Amino acid sequence: MNDAPCNTPVNSVSESDINIQELGPDKPSVLEASLSLAISSDQLQIHYQPIVKLLTGKIIGVEALLRWEHPALGCLSPRWFMPMAEKSGFITEIGEWMLRKACQDLRAWLASGTPNIRVAVNLSAKQFWDPLLVTKIRSALSETLIDPGMLSIEVSESTLIQNIASSKSILQQLKGLGLDLTLDDFGTGIFPFHYLEDFPFNRISIDQSLIQHGASNGDDAVVSKNIISLIHARGIQVGAKRVETESQRELMSLQQCDEFQGYVFSRALPSEDILALLHQNDSTIKPVSNAKKSQRTLLLVDDESNILGSLKRLLRRENYQILTANGGREGLELLKQHEVDVIVSDQRMPGMTGVEFFREAKILYPHTVRIVLSGYTELQSVTDAINEGAVYKFITKPWDDDQLRGHIDEAFRHKEVIDENDRLNVEIRAANQKLAIANYRLENALKVKQQQIARDEASLDIVREALQHIPLPVIGLDDTEMTVFVNIAAKNLFHYINLNLGDDAKLVIPELVELTTNTDYREGGKCIANIENTPYEITMRKMGGASLSRGWLLALTKCDVKI
C-alpha cells in the first residue's frame, strides 16, 4: 500500500512539509480519529502505478496504491497514516475496501474496452492472517466478475516469515482461487532463498536497494544479477519497483528482469488518468533494443557557440547525428530525449563543469562514451574522473582535426563493441534463462513422476501384502504362463509341489493352466478343480483392463461339489 508522495497535494500543502509529530501533541490522536471516518466520507482514494514489460515498454498491469485526501492536511501517502491504521486496527477494514475498489475499477476499465491487465494489491500482515481472507477475496471476485488471474496479491517477506507452514497453506488456498501471487521486496535476507521451492509465487519483486545500488555499484549489480538468475531458474517472473533512472532501467533489462515500475515511466495516477494511459498504452520509454543503431549519435557540449560551430563543421561529413548543448544541464535534458552514443564536452563551463556533467551522465546513462575537450587542465578532478570511469578520454584545445576525428571514431567503435557485447550477453542470458526454466520444469515433472511411482509402488506393496494374508489361495500368471504371484494360502495348498515365483505353471500346475485356455471359463468364468481330492471352485480374472498388467489372476475357493 506504500509508495511515493501524492502527485498534486490538496490545499497547496506539500507532503514533504508535513511532519505529524510536529503538528502538536494532539494531532496524531486527531488523525487517528479522523481515519475512522476516511472510508465512509470518501477521503480514501486509490492511485495506480503502471507496471511495464521491459522487453516491449508496454503496460501489462498496475499496482493499487492508497492515498488519503485529508480535508485539512491535503493528500497524504500511506507512510504518514498506515502505522496509525496498523496500531488502531483500521488496517483490515482499509485493506478490504482497497481490494474491492481495485476489483471494481478493473471491471470498469474492462467494460470501457481496455486490454486485459492485472491489478496488484498488497496485503498487510493483519489482512493476510485474517481467517476469512480467502472468503473475502472470493466474494470480491464474484461480485465484480473478475478473472482471478487478473488479480495479483502481493505479500511481503516479513509477513510470511512469521509462520512459514501457515503462510504456505494460505498461499496454496489463494493459488487455488486462480490468483496471481507476488512476493514483494525480495532480497533483504529476511526470507531464506530455499523457501521459494515450496511457495506458489508467479512472480517476485526484488528489493529497492538492489536496484538503486546496483546501477552505481558493481558488487551490488552482481548480487542483483545472481538473484534474478536464481529466481528465473525456478520458473518465476521477476519485477522491479521504484525504478527511478534510466541507468536503473537499463540495468534491470540487461539482467533479464521481466517488468518494472517507477518514476522513470510514471508516478501513480488516479483511476481516470490511468484509464486514459491504458487506452493509449504507448510507452514514453523506448524498450531496450538489441537491434543495431542505423546512425551514430554525438552530443557536443560547450558554452562557446563558436566552438560548437567549429566542431559541427569538422564532423559534418562523418554521417553523425549531431546534438549540441551550451552547458551540462542542457546536455542532461538532451540525454533524456535522445539515445546518445558519444559525448564530447568542455571542462570549464558555468554552473557545472564537464567532469561534474560526466559524473551525472555516467550514473544516469552509463553506456555513453564520454570525452573531455578542454583548454584548461584541472589535473586532479580530471584524473579522478578518468580513474572512476566517468571520462573515456581527455583531449586538449586547440585540437588537431585529424586526431580529434580519429578519437571520436574510436569512441564510436568502442561504444559499438559495448553494445554488441551487451546484445550477445542479453541473448546468452535469455537462452540460459529459457534453458534453466525448461530444466526446472523437467525436474519438477520428474519429481512428480517419481512421487507417482513411489505412491504406486507403495500401493502395490499394500495390495501384495493384503493378498498374501487373505485366507483364499491366489495365484498370478503372466501372459507366458509363468507364476508371478503366489500367496501364503496357495503355497500351503500346493505344498506338495513347492510352488514358487518364476515356475512354469504348465509344468507344475497343468490342471489350472489348462483352464485359462478354455474359452468357456475366461472373463470371470468359474470352474471346479480337484486338488488333493478336495474340490475347489476357481475364479479367473484376466488382468490389464485398467492397468498395464498382463496375465491371469486365479482365486481358489473350497466347495462342496463332488467330482
Protein backbone atom coordinates (compact mmCIF):
# COMPACT_ATOMS: atom_id res chain seq x y z
CA MET A 1 0.00 0.00 0.00
CA ASN A 2 3.01 2.30 0.36
CA ASP A 3 4.54 4.33 -2.40
CA ALA A 4 5.69 7.77 -3.38
CA PRO A 5 4.05 11.04 -2.41
CA CYS A 6 0.82 12.22 -3.98
CA ASN A 7 1.15 13.97 -7.31
CA THR A 8 -0.99 17.01 -6.60
CA PRO A 9 -1.37 17.76 -2.89
CA VAL A 10 -4.64 19.34 -1.84
CA ASN A 11 -4.87 22.86 -0.38
CA SER A 12 -1.31 23.56 -1.58
CA VAL A 13 0.14 21.60 1.34
CA SER A 14 3.22 19.72 0.23
CA GLU A 15 3.52 16.29 1.78
CA SER A 16 7.24 16.82 2.23
CA ASP A 17 6.40 19.70 4.59
CA ILE A 18 4.19 17.52 6.82
CA ASN A 19 5.62 16.01 9.95
CA ILE A 20 2.87 14.55 12.08
CA GLN A 21 4.93 14.69 15.24
CA GLU A 22 5.45 18.45 14.71
CA LEU A 23 1.75 19.21 14.28
CA GLY A 24 1.21 19.23 18.01
CA PRO A 25 0.71 16.64 20.75
CA ASP A 26 -2.95 16.13 19.91
CA LYS A 27 -2.54 15.76 16.15
CA PRO A 28 -1.77 12.01 15.97
CA SER A 29 -4.87 11.25 18.01
CA VAL A 30 -6.90 13.67 15.89
CA LEU A 31 -5.67 11.94 12.73
CA GLU A 32 -6.43 8.54 14.20
CA ALA A 33 -9.98 9.63 14.97
CA SER A 34 -10.49 11.09 11.50
CA LEU A 35 -9.04 7.95 9.90
CA SER A 36 -12.05 6.00 11.16
CA LEU A 37 -14.26 8.29 9.03
CA ALA A 38 -12.00 8.30 5.98
CA ILE A 39 -13.71 5.41 4.21
CA SER A 40 -17.31 6.44 4.85
CA SER A 41 -16.60 10.03 3.84
CA ASP A 42 -14.80 9.04 0.60
CA GLN A 43 -11.48 10.53 1.69
CA LEU A 44 -9.51 7.40 0.76
CA GLN A 45 -8.53 7.01 -2.87
CA ILE A 46 -6.56 4.52 -4.92
CA HIS A 47 -3.90 5.67 -7.34
CA TYR A 48 -2.44 3.18 -9.80
CA GLN A 49 1.18 2.94 -10.90
CA PRO A 50 1.78 1.27 -14.29
CA ILE A 51 3.72 -2.00 -14.42
CA VAL A 52 5.69 -2.12 -17.67
CA LYS A 53 7.17 -5.05 -19.58
CA LEU A 54 10.85 -4.29 -20.05
CA LEU A 55 11.12 -6.04 -23.40
CA THR A 56 8.36 -4.04 -25.10
CA GLY A 57 7.83 -0.92 -22.99
CA LYS A 58 4.09 -1.69 -22.83
CA ILE A 59 1.87 -1.52 -19.74
CA ILE A 60 0.93 -5.03 -18.60
CA GLY A 61 -0.52 -4.18 -15.19
CA VAL A 62 -0.94 -1.61 -12.43
CA GLU A 63 -0.31 -1.61 -8.70
CA ALA A 64 -3.00 -0.20 -6.44
CA LEU A 65 -1.57 2.38 -4.02
CA LEU A 66 -3.53 4.05 -1.24
CA ARG A 67 -3.96 7.83 -0.79
CA TRP A 68 -5.79 9.84 1.85
CA GLU A 69 -7.29 13.16 0.75
CA HIS A 70 -7.33 14.73 4.20
CA PRO A 71 -9.65 17.77 4.32
CA ALA A 72 -7.10 19.85 6.25
CA LEU A 73 -3.69 18.35 5.51
CA GLY A 74 -4.16 17.56 1.83
CA CYS A 75 -3.07 14.42 0.02
CA LEU A 76 -1.22 12.01 2.32
CA SER A 77 0.60 8.88 1.22
CA PRO A 78 0.39 5.74 3.40
CA ARG A 79 3.69 6.28 5.18
CA TRP A 80 2.01 9.06 7.18
CA PHE A 81 -1.05 7.15 8.35
CA MET A 82 -0.52 3.40 7.89
CA PRO A 83 1.34 2.98 11.21
CA MET A 84 -1.73 4.51 12.86
CA ALA A 85 -4.02 2.21 10.91
CA GLU A 86 -1.96 -0.80 11.99
CA LYS A 87 -1.99 0.26 15.63
CA SER A 88 -5.69 1.10 15.75
CA GLY A 89 -6.84 -1.99 13.80
CA PHE A 90 -8.33 0.02 10.92
CA ILE A 91 -5.81 -1.62 8.57
CA THR A 92 -8.03 -4.68 7.97
CA GLU A 93 -11.07 -2.58 7.08
CA ILE A 94 -8.98 -0.34 4.83
CA GLY A 95 -7.42 -3.37 3.14
CA GLU A 96 -10.83 -4.92 2.41
CA TRP A 97 -12.11 -1.65 0.97
CA MET A 98 -9.00 -1.32 -1.17
CA LEU A 99 -9.33 -4.86 -2.53
CA ARG A 100 -12.96 -4.38 -3.54
CA LYS A 101 -12.32 -0.92 -5.00
CA ALA A 102 -9.43 -2.21 -7.11
CA CYS A 103 -11.64 -5.02 -8.47
CA GLN A 104 -14.43 -2.53 -9.22
CA ASP A 105 -12.05 -0.20 -11.06
CA LEU A 106 -10.65 -3.10 -13.08
CA ARG A 107 -14.18 -4.15 -14.05
CA ALA A 108 -14.92 -0.58 -15.18
CA TRP A 109 -11.72 -0.45 -17.25
CA LEU A 110 -12.54 -3.73 -18.95
CA ALA A 111 -16.05 -2.52 -19.69
CA SER A 112 -14.57 0.54 -21.40
CA GLY A 113 -12.55 -1.65 -23.76
CA THR A 114 -9.10 -1.64 -22.19
CA PRO A 115 -6.94 -4.69 -22.88
CA ASN A 116 -6.61 -7.33 -20.19
CA ILE A 117 -4.14 -6.30 -17.49
CA ARG A 118 -3.55 -7.41 -13.95
CA VAL A 119 -4.10 -5.29 -10.85
CA ALA A 120 -1.70 -5.83 -7.96
CA VAL A 121 -2.95 -5.32 -4.39
CA ASN A 122 -0.63 -5.52 -1.41
CA LEU A 123 -1.90 -7.31 1.70
CA SER A 124 -0.96 -6.09 5.16
CA ALA A 125 0.14 -8.67 7.73
CA LYS A 126 -3.17 -8.46 9.62
CA GLN A 127 -5.11 -8.85 6.41
CA PHE A 128 -3.04 -11.84 5.33
CA TRP A 129 -3.59 -13.62 8.64
CA ASP A 130 -7.34 -12.94 8.63
CA PRO A 131 -9.07 -16.38 8.78
CA LEU A 132 -11.71 -15.09 6.34
CA LEU A 133 -9.18 -13.79 3.78
CA VAL A 134 -9.91 -16.42 1.12
CA THR A 135 -13.68 -15.99 1.54
CA LYS A 136 -13.43 -12.20 1.23
CA ILE A 137 -11.29 -12.36 -1.91
CA ARG A 138 -13.60 -14.94 -3.47
CA SER A 139 -16.55 -12.64 -2.70
CA ALA A 140 -14.85 -9.60 -4.28
CA LEU A 141 -14.08 -11.58 -7.45
CA SER A 142 -17.62 -12.93 -7.62
CA GLU A 143 -19.23 -9.51 -7.18
CA THR A 144 -17.14 -7.89 -9.91
CA LEU A 145 -16.89 -10.93 -12.25
CA ILE A 146 -13.13 -10.53 -12.46
CA ASP A 147 -10.97 -13.32 -13.84
CA PRO A 148 -8.92 -14.40 -10.76
CA GLY A 149 -5.74 -14.42 -12.86
CA MET A 150 -6.07 -10.65 -13.33
CA LEU A 151 -5.78 -10.01 -9.59
CA SER A 152 -2.25 -10.18 -8.22
CA ILE A 153 -1.90 -10.49 -4.45
CA GLU A 154 1.37 -9.12 -3.07
CA VAL A 155 2.76 -10.34 0.25
CA SER A 156 5.95 -9.18 1.97
CA GLU A 157 8.79 -11.31 3.28
CA SER A 158 8.24 -10.09 6.83
CA THR A 159 4.62 -11.29 6.74
CA LEU A 160 5.43 -14.79 5.52
CA ILE A 161 8.33 -15.37 7.88
CA GLN A 162 6.03 -15.06 10.91
CA ASN A 163 4.82 -18.62 10.30
CA ILE A 164 6.21 -20.49 7.31
CA ALA A 165 3.89 -23.50 7.48
CA SER A 166 0.72 -21.40 7.82
CA SER A 167 1.92 -18.97 5.13
CA LYS A 168 2.36 -21.86 2.72
CA SER A 169 -1.14 -23.13 3.46
CA ILE A 170 -2.75 -19.72 2.93
CA LEU A 171 -0.89 -19.12 -0.32
CA GLN A 172 -1.92 -22.55 -1.60
CA GLN A 173 -5.54 -21.63 -0.89
CA LEU A 174 -5.15 -18.31 -2.75
CA LYS A 175 -3.49 -20.14 -5.62
CA GLY A 176 -6.46 -22.48 -5.63
CA LEU A 177 -8.67 -19.48 -6.42
CA GLY A 178 -6.58 -18.90 -9.56
CA LEU A 179 -4.92 -15.70 -8.28
CA ASP A 180 -1.59 -14.34 -9.42
CA LEU A 181 0.79 -14.30 -6.41
CA THR A 182 3.77 -11.97 -5.86
CA LEU A 183 6.47 -11.99 -3.18
CA ASP A 184 7.17 -8.31 -2.53
CA ASP A 185 10.57 -6.66 -1.87
CA PHE A 186 12.56 -9.89 -2.01
CA GLY A 187 16.29 -9.82 -1.34
CA THR A 188 16.54 -8.24 2.11
CA GLY A 189 17.69 -11.54 3.60
CA ILE A 190 14.59 -11.99 5.76
CA PHE A 191 13.16 -14.78 3.62
CA PRO A 192 15.56 -17.72 3.00
CA PHE A 193 16.02 -18.40 -0.68
CA HIS A 194 15.40 -22.14 -0.46
CA TYR A 195 11.85 -21.48 0.78
CA LEU A 196 10.89 -20.43 -2.75
CA GLU A 197 10.76 -24.09 -3.76
CA ASP A 198 7.65 -24.61 -1.64
CA PHE A 199 5.74 -21.38 -2.30
CA PRO A 200 3.46 -20.98 -5.37
CA PHE A 201 4.59 -17.49 -6.46
CA ASN A 202 4.07 -16.39 -10.06
CA ARG A 203 6.48 -13.50 -9.71
CA ILE A 204 8.88 -11.89 -7.28
CA SER A 205 9.52 -8.17 -6.85
CA ILE A 206 13.15 -7.57 -5.91
CA ASP A 207 14.05 -5.15 -3.15
CA GLN A 208 14.55 -1.48 -3.99
CA SER A 209 18.07 -1.40 -2.52
CA LEU A 210 19.33 -3.88 -5.12
CA ILE A 211 18.04 -1.65 -7.89
CA GLN A 212 19.28 1.68 -6.58
CA HIS A 213 22.74 0.48 -5.56
CA GLY A 214 23.19 -1.90 -8.47
CA ALA A 215 23.12 0.92 -11.05
CA SER A 216 26.14 2.60 -9.46
CA ASN A 217 27.92 -0.24 -7.68
CA GLY A 218 29.41 -3.22 -9.48
CA ASP A 219 29.23 -5.56 -6.50
CA ASP A 220 25.54 -4.84 -5.94
CA ALA A 221 24.90 -5.30 -9.66
CA VAL A 222 26.44 -8.79 -9.45
CA VAL A 223 24.26 -9.60 -6.44
CA SER A 224 21.06 -8.50 -8.18
CA LYS A 225 22.04 -10.38 -11.36
CA ASN A 226 22.60 -13.60 -9.43
CA ILE A 227 19.33 -13.21 -7.53
CA ILE A 228 17.38 -12.65 -10.76
CA SER A 229 19.04 -15.67 -12.40
CA LEU A 230 18.24 -17.91 -9.42
CA ILE A 231 14.62 -16.76 -9.40
CA HIS A 232 14.28 -17.39 -13.13
CA ALA A 233 15.78 -20.85 -12.67
CA ARG A 234 12.70 -21.66 -10.59
CA GLY A 235 10.36 -20.62 -13.37
CA ILE A 236 9.29 -17.39 -11.61
CA GLN A 237 8.94 -13.94 -13.21
CA VAL A 238 10.98 -11.04 -11.78
CA GLY A 239 9.74 -7.48 -11.29
CA ALA A 240 11.48 -4.32 -10.12
CA LYS A 241 9.77 -1.46 -8.27
CA ARG A 242 10.84 2.14 -7.73
CA VAL A 243 12.96 2.27 -10.86
CA GLU A 244 13.74 5.97 -10.98
CA THR A 245 16.55 6.47 -13.51
CA GLU A 246 17.40 5.33 -17.00
CA SER A 247 20.53 3.59 -15.71
CA GLN A 248 18.45 1.56 -13.27
CA ARG A 249 16.06 0.58 -16.04
CA GLU A 250 18.92 -0.42 -18.34
CA LEU A 251 20.49 -2.44 -15.54
CA MET A 252 17.25 -4.33 -14.95
CA SER A 253 16.89 -5.01 -18.67
CA LEU A 254 20.46 -6.27 -19.06
CA GLN A 255 19.94 -8.54 -16.07
CA GLN A 256 16.85 -10.05 -17.71
CA CYS A 257 14.30 -8.55 -15.30
CA ASP A 258 10.84 -9.10 -16.79
CA GLU A 259 8.95 -5.98 -15.70
CA PHE A 260 9.34 -2.75 -13.77
CA GLN A 261 7.50 0.23 -12.35
CA GLY A 262 8.70 3.59 -11.12
CA TYR A 263 9.14 7.28 -11.83
CA VAL A 264 11.26 6.62 -14.94
CA PHE A 265 7.94 5.65 -16.56
CA SER A 266 5.15 7.16 -14.46
CA ARG A 267 4.05 8.09 -10.98
CA ALA A 268 0.92 6.54 -9.52
CA LEU A 269 -2.15 8.10 -11.16
CA PRO A 270 -5.85 8.41 -10.28
CA SER A 271 -8.18 5.87 -11.86
CA GLU A 272 -9.40 8.18 -14.63
CA ASP A 273 -5.84 9.12 -15.64
CA ILE A 274 -4.63 5.53 -15.63
CA LEU A 275 -7.62 4.62 -17.81
CA ALA A 276 -6.52 7.13 -20.46
CA LEU A 277 -2.97 5.78 -20.27
CA LEU A 278 -4.20 2.21 -20.64
CA HIS A 279 -6.22 3.10 -23.74
CA GLN A 280 -3.17 4.71 -25.28
CA ASN A 281 -0.62 2.24 -23.87
CA ASP A 282 2.17 3.77 -25.92
CA SER A 283 5.31 3.74 -23.84
CA THR A 284 7.02 7.05 -23.17
CA ILE A 285 10.18 4.99 -22.78
CA LYS A 286 11.72 3.06 -25.63
CA PRO A 287 12.23 -0.61 -24.85
CA VAL A 288 15.84 -1.68 -24.56
CA SER A 289 16.53 -2.99 -28.03
CA ASN A 290 19.08 -5.48 -29.27
CA ALA A 291 18.95 -4.07 -32.77
CA LYS A 292 21.99 -2.25 -34.11
CA LYS A 293 21.51 1.51 -34.48
CA SER A 294 21.32 2.83 -38.01
CA GLN A 295 23.13 6.10 -37.19
CA ARG A 296 25.75 7.20 -34.70
CA THR A 297 24.60 9.97 -32.36
CA LEU A 298 27.06 12.53 -30.97
CA LEU A 299 26.37 15.15 -28.29
CA LEU A 300 28.62 18.24 -28.22
CA VAL A 301 28.56 20.35 -25.02
CA ASP A 302 30.33 23.71 -24.78
CA ASP A 303 29.36 27.14 -23.53
CA GLU A 304 31.10 28.81 -26.50
CA SER A 305 28.92 28.79 -29.62
CA ASN A 306 31.92 29.29 -31.93
CA ILE A 307 33.49 26.07 -30.59
CA LEU A 308 30.27 24.17 -31.19
CA GLY A 309 30.12 25.61 -34.72
CA SER A 310 33.71 24.59 -35.46
CA LEU A 311 33.13 21.05 -34.21
CA LYS A 312 29.95 20.66 -36.27
CA ARG A 313 31.78 21.82 -39.42
CA LEU A 314 34.67 19.47 -38.71
CA LEU A 315 32.37 16.46 -38.24
CA ARG A 316 29.63 17.24 -40.78
CA ARG A 317 30.91 14.66 -43.29
CA GLU A 318 31.11 11.83 -40.75
CA ASN A 319 27.43 10.92 -41.07
CA TYR A 320 26.79 11.54 -37.37
CA GLN A 321 23.55 12.74 -35.88
CA ILE A 322 24.94 15.77 -34.01
CA LEU A 323 23.23 17.35 -31.00
CA THR A 324 24.55 20.47 -29.25
CA ALA A 325 24.14 21.94 -25.77
CA ASN A 326 25.51 25.10 -24.17
CA GLY A 327 26.03 23.53 -20.73
CA GLY A 328 25.78 20.42 -18.59
CA ARG A 329 22.14 20.89 -17.57
CA GLU A 330 21.04 21.34 -21.16
CA GLY A 331 23.13 18.30 -22.08
CA LEU A 332 21.33 16.18 -19.47
CA GLU A 333 17.98 17.28 -20.87
CA LEU A 334 19.03 16.20 -24.36
CA LEU A 335 20.17 12.84 -22.99
CA LYS A 336 16.63 12.31 -21.67
CA GLN A 337 15.22 12.85 -25.15
CA HIS A 338 17.79 11.09 -27.38
CA GLU A 339 19.77 7.87 -27.37
CA VAL A 340 23.32 9.24 -27.44
CA ASP A 341 26.43 7.16 -28.12
CA VAL A 342 29.32 9.59 -27.59
CA ILE A 343 29.53 12.87 -25.65
CA VAL A 344 32.25 15.47 -26.19
CA SER A 345 32.20 18.19 -23.53
CA ASP A 346 34.22 21.21 -22.49
CA GLN A 347 35.58 21.11 -18.94
CA ARG A 348 35.22 24.68 -17.71
CA MET A 349 31.58 25.78 -18.09
CA PRO A 350 29.40 27.96 -15.86
CA GLY A 351 27.14 26.13 -13.40
CA MET A 352 28.52 22.65 -13.99
CA THR A 353 31.99 21.55 -15.08
CA GLY A 354 32.47 18.93 -17.73
CA VAL A 355 33.64 16.36 -15.16
CA GLU A 356 30.60 17.05 -12.96
CA PHE A 357 28.38 16.69 -16.02
CA PHE A 358 30.03 13.39 -16.94
CA ARG A 359 29.74 12.02 -13.42
CA GLU A 360 25.98 12.57 -13.51
CA ALA A 361 25.71 11.29 -17.09
CA LYS A 362 27.60 8.12 -16.11
CA ILE A 363 25.05 7.36 -13.37
CA LEU A 364 22.00 8.13 -15.49
CA TYR A 365 23.29 6.91 -18.89
CA PRO A 366 26.17 4.52 -18.18
CA HIS A 367 26.55 3.26 -21.76
CA THR A 368 27.54 6.61 -23.21
CA VAL A 369 31.23 7.14 -24.10
CA ARG A 370 32.43 10.46 -22.64
CA ILE A 371 35.31 12.64 -23.90
CA VAL A 372 36.57 15.87 -22.27
CA LEU A 373 37.72 18.51 -24.78
CA SER A 374 39.20 21.47 -22.94
CA GLY A 375 41.94 24.04 -22.88
CA TYR A 376 42.00 24.01 -19.09
CA THR A 377 43.56 21.09 -17.28
CA GLU A 378 42.32 20.75 -13.73
CA LEU A 379 44.52 17.71 -13.31
CA GLN A 380 43.18 16.25 -10.07
CA SER A 381 39.48 16.36 -10.93
CA VAL A 382 40.06 15.05 -14.46
CA THR A 383 42.36 12.27 -13.20
CA ASP A 384 39.80 11.23 -10.60
CA ALA A 385 37.04 11.21 -13.22
CA ILE A 386 39.11 9.05 -15.58
CA ASN A 387 40.02 6.63 -12.79
CA GLU A 388 36.39 6.20 -11.72
CA GLY A 389 35.28 5.66 -15.31
CA ALA A 390 33.33 8.87 -15.82
CA VAL A 391 35.67 10.04 -18.61
CA TYR A 392 36.85 7.88 -21.51
CA LYS A 393 39.46 10.31 -22.85
CA PHE A 394 40.81 13.81 -22.22
CA ILE A 395 41.73 15.91 -25.28
CA THR A 396 43.22 19.39 -25.09
CA LYS A 397 42.35 22.51 -27.07
CA PRO A 398 43.39 23.57 -29.61
CA TRP A 399 42.90 20.19 -31.22
CA ASP A 400 44.34 18.54 -34.28
CA ASP A 401 41.44 17.94 -36.69
CA ASP A 402 42.56 14.50 -37.89
CA GLN A 403 43.41 13.33 -34.39
CA LEU A 404 40.08 14.54 -32.99
CA ARG A 405 38.14 12.81 -35.77
CA GLY A 406 40.13 9.67 -35.08
CA HIS A 407 39.45 9.82 -31.33
CA ILE A 408 35.71 10.32 -31.88
CA ASP A 409 35.56 7.49 -34.44
CA GLU A 410 37.42 5.26 -31.96
CA ALA A 411 34.91 6.22 -29.25
CA PHE A 412 32.01 5.20 -31.50
CA ARG A 413 33.69 1.89 -32.31
CA HIS A 414 34.24 1.37 -28.58
CA LYS A 415 30.55 2.05 -27.98
CA GLU A 416 29.55 -0.39 -30.72
CA VAL A 417 31.69 -3.09 -29.12
CA ILE A 418 29.99 -2.40 -25.79
CA ASP A 419 26.55 -2.56 -27.45
CA GLU A 420 27.41 -5.78 -29.26
CA ASN A 421 28.72 -7.36 -26.06
CA ASP A 422 25.56 -6.29 -24.26
CA ARG A 423 23.43 -7.69 -27.07
CA LEU A 424 25.24 -11.01 -27.01
CA ASN A 425 25.12 -11.08 -23.24
CA VAL A 426 21.37 -10.49 -23.29
CA GLU A 427 20.88 -13.25 -25.86
CA ILE A 428 23.06 -15.69 -23.91
CA ARG A 429 21.34 -14.91 -20.65
CA ALA A 430 17.91 -15.15 -22.29
CA ALA A 431 18.84 -18.55 -23.72
CA ASN A 432 20.26 -19.64 -20.36
CA GLN A 433 17.10 -18.42 -18.66
CA LYS A 434 14.90 -20.45 -21.01
CA LEU A 435 17.14 -23.47 -20.50
CA ALA A 436 17.05 -23.04 -16.72
CA ILE A 437 13.25 -22.75 -16.76
CA ALA A 438 12.98 -25.82 -19.00
CA ASN A 439 15.31 -27.74 -16.67
CA TYR A 440 13.33 -26.61 -13.66
CA ARG A 441 10.07 -27.75 -15.22
CA LEU A 442 11.65 -31.02 -16.29
CA GLU A 443 12.99 -31.58 -12.78
CA ASN A 444 9.55 -30.86 -11.34
CA ALA A 445 7.91 -33.20 -13.84
CA LEU A 446 10.47 -35.88 -12.96
CA LYS A 447 9.88 -35.28 -9.27
CA VAL A 448 6.12 -35.61 -9.76
CA LYS A 449 6.65 -38.79 -11.78
CA GLN A 450 8.96 -40.21 -9.12
CA GLN A 451 6.42 -39.37 -6.45
CA GLN A 452 3.72 -41.08 -8.51
CA ILE A 453 5.91 -44.15 -8.96
CA ALA A 454 6.64 -44.20 -5.23
CA ARG A 455 2.91 -43.96 -4.49
CA ASP A 456 2.15 -46.71 -6.99
CA GLU A 457 4.87 -48.89 -5.51
CA ALA A 458 3.51 -48.27 -2.02
CA SER A 459 0.00 -49.12 -3.22
CA LEU A 460 1.35 -52.25 -4.91
CA ASP A 461 3.10 -53.29 -1.71
CA ILE A 462 -0.11 -52.82 0.25
CA VAL A 463 -2.12 -54.85 -2.25
CA ARG A 464 0.55 -57.56 -2.40
CA GLU A 465 0.69 -57.81 1.37
CA ALA A 466 -3.10 -57.89 1.62
CA LEU A 467 -3.29 -60.69 -0.95
CA GLN A 468 -0.57 -62.58 0.87
CA HIS A 469 -2.61 -62.80 4.03
CA ILE A 470 -6.16 -63.42 2.79
CA PRO A 471 -7.30 -66.98 3.60
CA LEU A 472 -8.11 -67.86 -0.02
CA PRO A 473 -5.34 -69.28 -2.27
CA VAL A 474 -4.49 -66.74 -5.01
CA ILE A 475 -2.10 -67.34 -7.92
CA GLY A 476 -0.97 -64.83 -10.55
CA LEU A 477 0.18 -65.94 -14.01
CA ASP A 478 1.73 -63.65 -16.62
CA ASP A 479 0.90 -63.90 -20.33
CA THR A 480 3.62 -66.56 -20.77
CA GLU A 481 2.01 -68.65 -18.04
CA MET A 482 4.81 -68.09 -15.54
CA THR A 483 3.86 -67.75 -11.89
CA VAL A 484 4.34 -64.15 -10.79
CA PHE A 485 2.38 -64.22 -7.54
CA VAL A 486 1.65 -66.97 -5.02
CA ASN A 487 0.15 -66.06 -1.68
CA ILE A 488 0.68 -67.94 1.58
CA ALA A 489 -2.60 -69.87 1.30
CA ALA A 490 -1.67 -71.04 -2.24
CA LYS A 491 1.79 -72.13 -1.11
CA ASN A 492 0.19 -74.16 1.67
CA LEU A 493 -2.34 -75.70 -0.72
CA PHE A 494 0.33 -76.73 -3.24
CA HIS A 495 2.93 -77.65 -0.66
CA TYR A 496 3.46 -80.99 -2.31
CA ILE A 497 4.93 -79.35 -5.43
CA ASN A 498 6.64 -76.42 -3.68
CA LEU A 499 5.04 -73.75 -5.92
CA ASN A 500 7.32 -70.68 -6.26
CA LEU A 501 7.57 -67.46 -8.24
CA GLY A 502 9.07 -67.95 -11.67
CA ASP A 503 7.85 -71.52 -12.06
CA ASP A 504 6.47 -72.59 -15.42
CA ALA A 505 2.84 -73.11 -14.45
CA LYS A 506 2.28 -75.53 -17.37
CA LEU A 507 4.69 -77.96 -15.70
CA VAL A 508 3.78 -77.59 -12.00
CA ILE A 509 0.04 -76.89 -12.10
CA PRO A 510 -1.05 -78.02 -15.57
CA GLU A 511 -4.61 -78.65 -14.42
CA LEU A 512 -5.04 -74.92 -13.68
CA VAL A 513 -3.22 -73.61 -16.76
CA GLU A 514 -5.44 -75.71 -18.96
CA LEU A 515 -8.45 -73.91 -17.53
CA THR A 516 -7.10 -70.50 -18.57
CA THR A 517 -7.01 -71.65 -22.18
CA ASN A 518 -10.57 -72.89 -22.11
CA THR A 519 -12.78 -70.15 -23.55
CA ASP A 520 -15.73 -71.38 -21.54
CA TYR A 521 -14.03 -70.28 -18.31
CA ARG A 522 -12.50 -66.99 -19.40
CA GLU A 523 -13.56 -63.44 -18.47
CA GLY A 524 -14.56 -64.18 -14.89
CA GLY A 525 -15.82 -67.65 -15.56
CA LYS A 526 -15.78 -70.29 -12.84
CA CYS A 527 -14.88 -73.97 -12.88
CA ILE A 528 -14.26 -76.80 -10.46
CA ALA A 529 -10.86 -78.48 -9.99
CA ASN A 530 -9.86 -81.34 -7.75
CA ILE A 531 -6.76 -80.62 -5.69
CA GLU A 532 -5.57 -83.40 -3.37
CA ASN A 533 -9.03 -84.99 -3.50
CA THR A 534 -10.70 -81.74 -2.48
CA PRO A 535 -12.97 -79.79 -4.89
CA TYR A 536 -12.11 -76.10 -5.37
CA GLU A 537 -14.07 -73.51 -7.30
CA ILE A 538 -11.63 -71.49 -9.41
CA THR A 539 -12.43 -67.91 -10.40
CA MET A 540 -10.27 -66.47 -13.19
CA ARG A 541 -9.78 -62.77 -13.93
CA LYS A 542 -7.85 -61.56 -16.96
CA MET A 543 -5.55 -58.68 -15.98
CA GLY A 544 -4.90 -55.45 -17.89
CA GLY A 545 -8.38 -54.00 -18.10
CA ALA A 546 -7.47 -50.89 -16.07
CA SER A 547 -3.67 -51.15 -15.96
CA LEU A 548 -0.61 -52.23 -17.90
CA SER A 549 -0.53 -55.62 -16.20
CA ARG A 550 -0.92 -58.80 -18.27
CA GLY A 551 -1.95 -62.39 -17.49
CA TRP A 552 -4.45 -64.06 -15.19
CA LEU A 553 -5.37 -63.95 -11.54
CA LEU A 554 -6.76 -67.22 -10.15
CA ALA A 555 -8.63 -67.42 -6.83
CA LEU A 556 -9.46 -70.85 -5.35
CA THR A 557 -12.41 -71.44 -3.00
CA LYS A 558 -13.14 -74.80 -1.36
CA CYS A 559 -16.59 -76.03 -2.30
CA ASP A 560 -18.97 -78.95 -1.59
CA VAL A 561 -19.32 -80.16 -5.16
CA LYS A 562 -18.32 -83.78 -5.67
CA ILE A 563 -16.26 -84.64 -8.72
